[in-house]
């Protein structure tokens, strides 16, 4: 139970501060916990990451101000150009926007923090944002914990 709560806390903090890595914590747990505890930790981590990205969504929506983000978006360059292209596509095609969010949440490409802001900018439905984020983060974390656990259990010896 303590490991699951800690996974939630680390994941929430990691959602807010991208340099904190929940995957490292989850991988560390693989060697010491059974599959049931690992699944519980993956669920807790997915909830934590979803909650940790909601403030970024609200930054994009304009509810929370972030001067550094406004400066970054106003600066001409590759980042601003890509963001403008993604915004146009996401506004014109909401399914494309949800797909981009799913890809980013699962694979972190494009950066999940940036896409979380973009979701707010295009006024994606918050429930949709949370559901897509939770489901894809859960899939990611289940792979992170269960693939190594499976491999360890199938080693000869």
Protein backbone atom coordinates (compact mmCIF):
# COMPACT_ATOMS: atom_id res chain seq x y z
CA UNK A 1 0.00 0.00 0.00
CA UNK A 2 2.81 2.42 0.85
CA UNK A 3 4.50 1.76 -2.49
CA UNK A 4 1.26 2.59 -4.33
CA UNK A 5 0.79 5.84 -2.42
CA UNK A 6 4.39 6.79 -3.07
CA UNK A 7 3.95 6.00 -6.78
CA UNK A 8 0.97 8.39 -6.82
CA UNK A 9 2.97 11.14 -5.10
CA UNK A 10 6.03 10.72 -7.33
CA UNK A 11 3.86 10.58 -10.47
CA UNK A 12 1.94 13.72 -9.51
CA UNK A 13 5.17 15.57 -8.77
CA UNK A 14 6.65 14.24 -12.02
CA UNK A 15 3.62 15.48 -13.92
CA UNK A 16 4.25 18.97 -12.58
CA UNK A 17 8.07 18.89 -12.76
CA UNK A 18 9.10 16.90 -15.83
CA UNK A 19 12.62 16.15 -14.58
CA UNK A 20 11.15 13.80 -11.95
CA UNK A 21 10.76 10.42 -13.60
CA UNK A 22 8.04 8.04 -12.42
CA UNK A 23 9.27 5.32 -14.77
CA UNK A 24 12.51 5.00 -12.80
CA UNK A 25 10.55 4.54 -9.57
CA UNK A 26 8.27 1.96 -11.17
CA UNK A 27 11.20 0.02 -12.65
CA UNK A 28 12.82 -0.07 -9.23
CA UNK A 29 9.72 -1.72 -7.83
CA UNK A 30 9.70 -4.49 -10.44
CA UNK A 31 12.35 -6.57 -8.69
CA UNK A 32 10.69 -6.49 -5.28
CA UNK A 33 6.91 -6.59 -5.81
CA UNK A 34 4.41 -9.04 -7.28
CA UNK A 35 2.29 -8.32 -10.36
CA UNK A 36 -0.77 -7.23 -8.36
CA UNK A 37 1.17 -4.56 -6.51
CA UNK A 38 2.81 -3.45 -9.76
CA UNK A 39 -0.58 -3.02 -11.46
CA UNK A 40 -1.84 -1.00 -8.48
CA UNK A 41 1.25 1.20 -8.70
CA UNK A 42 0.74 1.67 -12.45
CA UNK A 43 -2.88 2.77 -11.86
CA UNK A 44 -1.80 5.16 -9.07
CA UNK A 45 0.95 6.56 -11.30
CA UNK A 46 -1.51 7.11 -14.18
CA UNK A 47 -3.90 8.98 -11.86
CA UNK A 48 -1.02 11.05 -10.49
CA UNK A 49 0.33 11.94 -13.93
CA UNK A 50 -3.15 12.91 -15.10
CA UNK A 51 -3.59 15.22 -12.12
CA UNK A 52 -0.09 16.60 -12.61
CA UNK A 53 -0.82 17.64 -16.20
CA UNK A 54 -4.10 19.44 -15.48
CA UNK A 55 -2.32 22.68 -14.46
CA UNK A 56 -0.55 22.70 -17.84
CA UNK A 57 -3.94 22.33 -19.52
CA UNK A 58 -5.17 25.38 -17.60
CA UNK A 59 -2.04 27.32 -18.54
CA UNK A 60 -2.95 26.73 -22.19
CA UNK A 61 -6.52 27.69 -21.56
CA UNK A 62 -5.36 30.96 -20.02
CA UNK A 63 -6.82 30.31 -16.58
CA UNK A 64 -3.32 30.10 -15.06
CA UNK A 65 -0.67 32.50 -16.32
CA UNK A 66 2.85 31.36 -17.11
CA UNK A 67 5.09 34.20 -18.33
CA UNK A 68 7.86 31.81 -19.42
CA UNK A 69 5.41 29.96 -21.68
CA UNK A 70 4.12 33.16 -23.26
CA UNK A 71 7.70 34.25 -23.99
CA UNK A 72 8.49 30.84 -25.48
CA UNK A 73 5.38 30.87 -27.69
CA UNK A 74 6.07 34.44 -28.86
CA UNK A 75 9.68 33.66 -29.78
CA UNK A 76 9.99 32.81 -33.45
CA UNK A 77 11.61 29.49 -34.10
CA UNK A 78 11.05 25.81 -34.58
CA UNK A 79 9.07 25.32 -31.33
CA UNK A 80 6.67 28.20 -32.01
CA UNK A 81 6.19 27.14 -35.64
CA UNK A 82 5.37 23.55 -34.71
CA UNK A 83 3.04 24.65 -31.92
CA UNK A 84 1.15 26.92 -34.34
CA UNK A 85 0.78 24.05 -36.83
CA UNK A 86 -0.43 21.63 -34.15
CA UNK A 87 -2.86 24.24 -32.85
CA UNK A 88 -4.39 24.80 -36.29
CA UNK A 89 -4.80 21.06 -36.89
CA UNK A 90 -6.21 20.43 -33.41
CA UNK A 91 -8.72 23.27 -33.75
CA UNK A 92 -9.82 22.10 -37.19
CA UNK A 93 -9.86 18.38 -36.32
CA UNK A 94 -10.65 17.55 -32.67
CA UNK A 95 -10.07 13.82 -33.27
CA UNK A 96 -6.57 14.65 -34.54
CA UNK A 97 -6.00 16.67 -31.35
CA UNK A 98 -7.09 13.75 -29.16
CA UNK A 99 -4.86 11.44 -31.20
CA UNK A 100 -1.90 13.78 -30.75
CA UNK A 101 -2.60 13.87 -27.02
CA UNK A 102 -2.76 10.06 -26.90
CA UNK A 103 0.51 9.68 -28.81
CA UNK A 104 2.24 12.26 -26.67
CA UNK A 105 0.92 10.81 -23.42
CA UNK A 106 1.92 7.27 -24.37
CA UNK A 107 5.25 7.88 -26.11
CA UNK A 108 6.20 11.40 -24.93
CA UNK A 109 6.64 12.48 -28.55
CA UNK A 110 5.86 15.31 -29.04
CA UNK A 111 6.66 16.39 -25.47
CA UNK A 112 3.69 15.67 -23.24
CA UNK A 113 3.99 18.94 -21.31
CA UNK A 114 3.73 20.93 -24.56
CA UNK A 115 0.74 18.93 -25.80
CA UNK A 116 -0.98 19.35 -22.42
CA UNK A 117 -0.71 23.12 -22.87
CA UNK A 118 -1.92 22.81 -26.46
CA UNK A 119 -5.00 20.89 -25.26
CA UNK A 120 -5.92 23.89 -23.14
CA UNK A 121 -5.20 26.34 -25.95
CA UNK A 122 -7.62 24.56 -28.30
CA UNK A 123 -10.16 24.23 -25.48
CA UNK A 124 -10.23 20.44 -25.55
CA UNK A 125 -12.91 19.12 -23.21
CA UNK A 126 -11.27 18.62 -19.79
CA UNK A 127 -12.94 15.23 -19.27
CA UNK A 128 -11.66 14.05 -22.67
CA UNK A 129 -8.19 15.35 -21.79
CA UNK A 130 -8.23 13.45 -18.48
CA UNK A 131 -9.62 10.21 -19.95
CA UNK A 132 -7.15 10.10 -22.85
CA UNK A 133 -4.27 10.99 -20.54
CA UNK A 134 -5.23 8.39 -17.92
CA UNK A 135 -5.78 5.55 -20.40
CA UNK A 136 -2.59 6.13 -22.36
CA UNK A 137 -0.45 6.76 -19.28
CA UNK A 138 -1.87 3.58 -17.72
CA UNK A 139 -0.94 1.59 -20.84
CA UNK A 140 2.57 3.08 -20.75
CA UNK A 141 3.07 2.32 -17.06
CA UNK A 142 1.68 -1.21 -17.35
CA UNK A 143 4.25 -1.89 -20.06
CA UNK A 144 6.97 -0.32 -17.90
CA UNK A 145 6.21 -2.60 -14.95
CA UNK A 146 4.88 -5.79 -16.51
CA UNK A 147 7.32 -6.26 -19.41
CA UNK A 148 10.39 -6.43 -17.16
CA UNK A 149 8.49 -8.49 -14.57
CA UNK A 150 7.50 -10.95 -17.32
CA UNK A 151 11.06 -11.07 -18.62
CA UNK A 152 12.47 -11.67 -15.14
CA UNK A 153 10.02 -14.51 -14.53
CA UNK A 154 10.99 -16.20 -17.81
CA UNK A 155 14.75 -16.12 -17.34
CA UNK A 156 16.30 -19.57 -17.22
CA UNK A 157 17.69 -20.63 -13.94
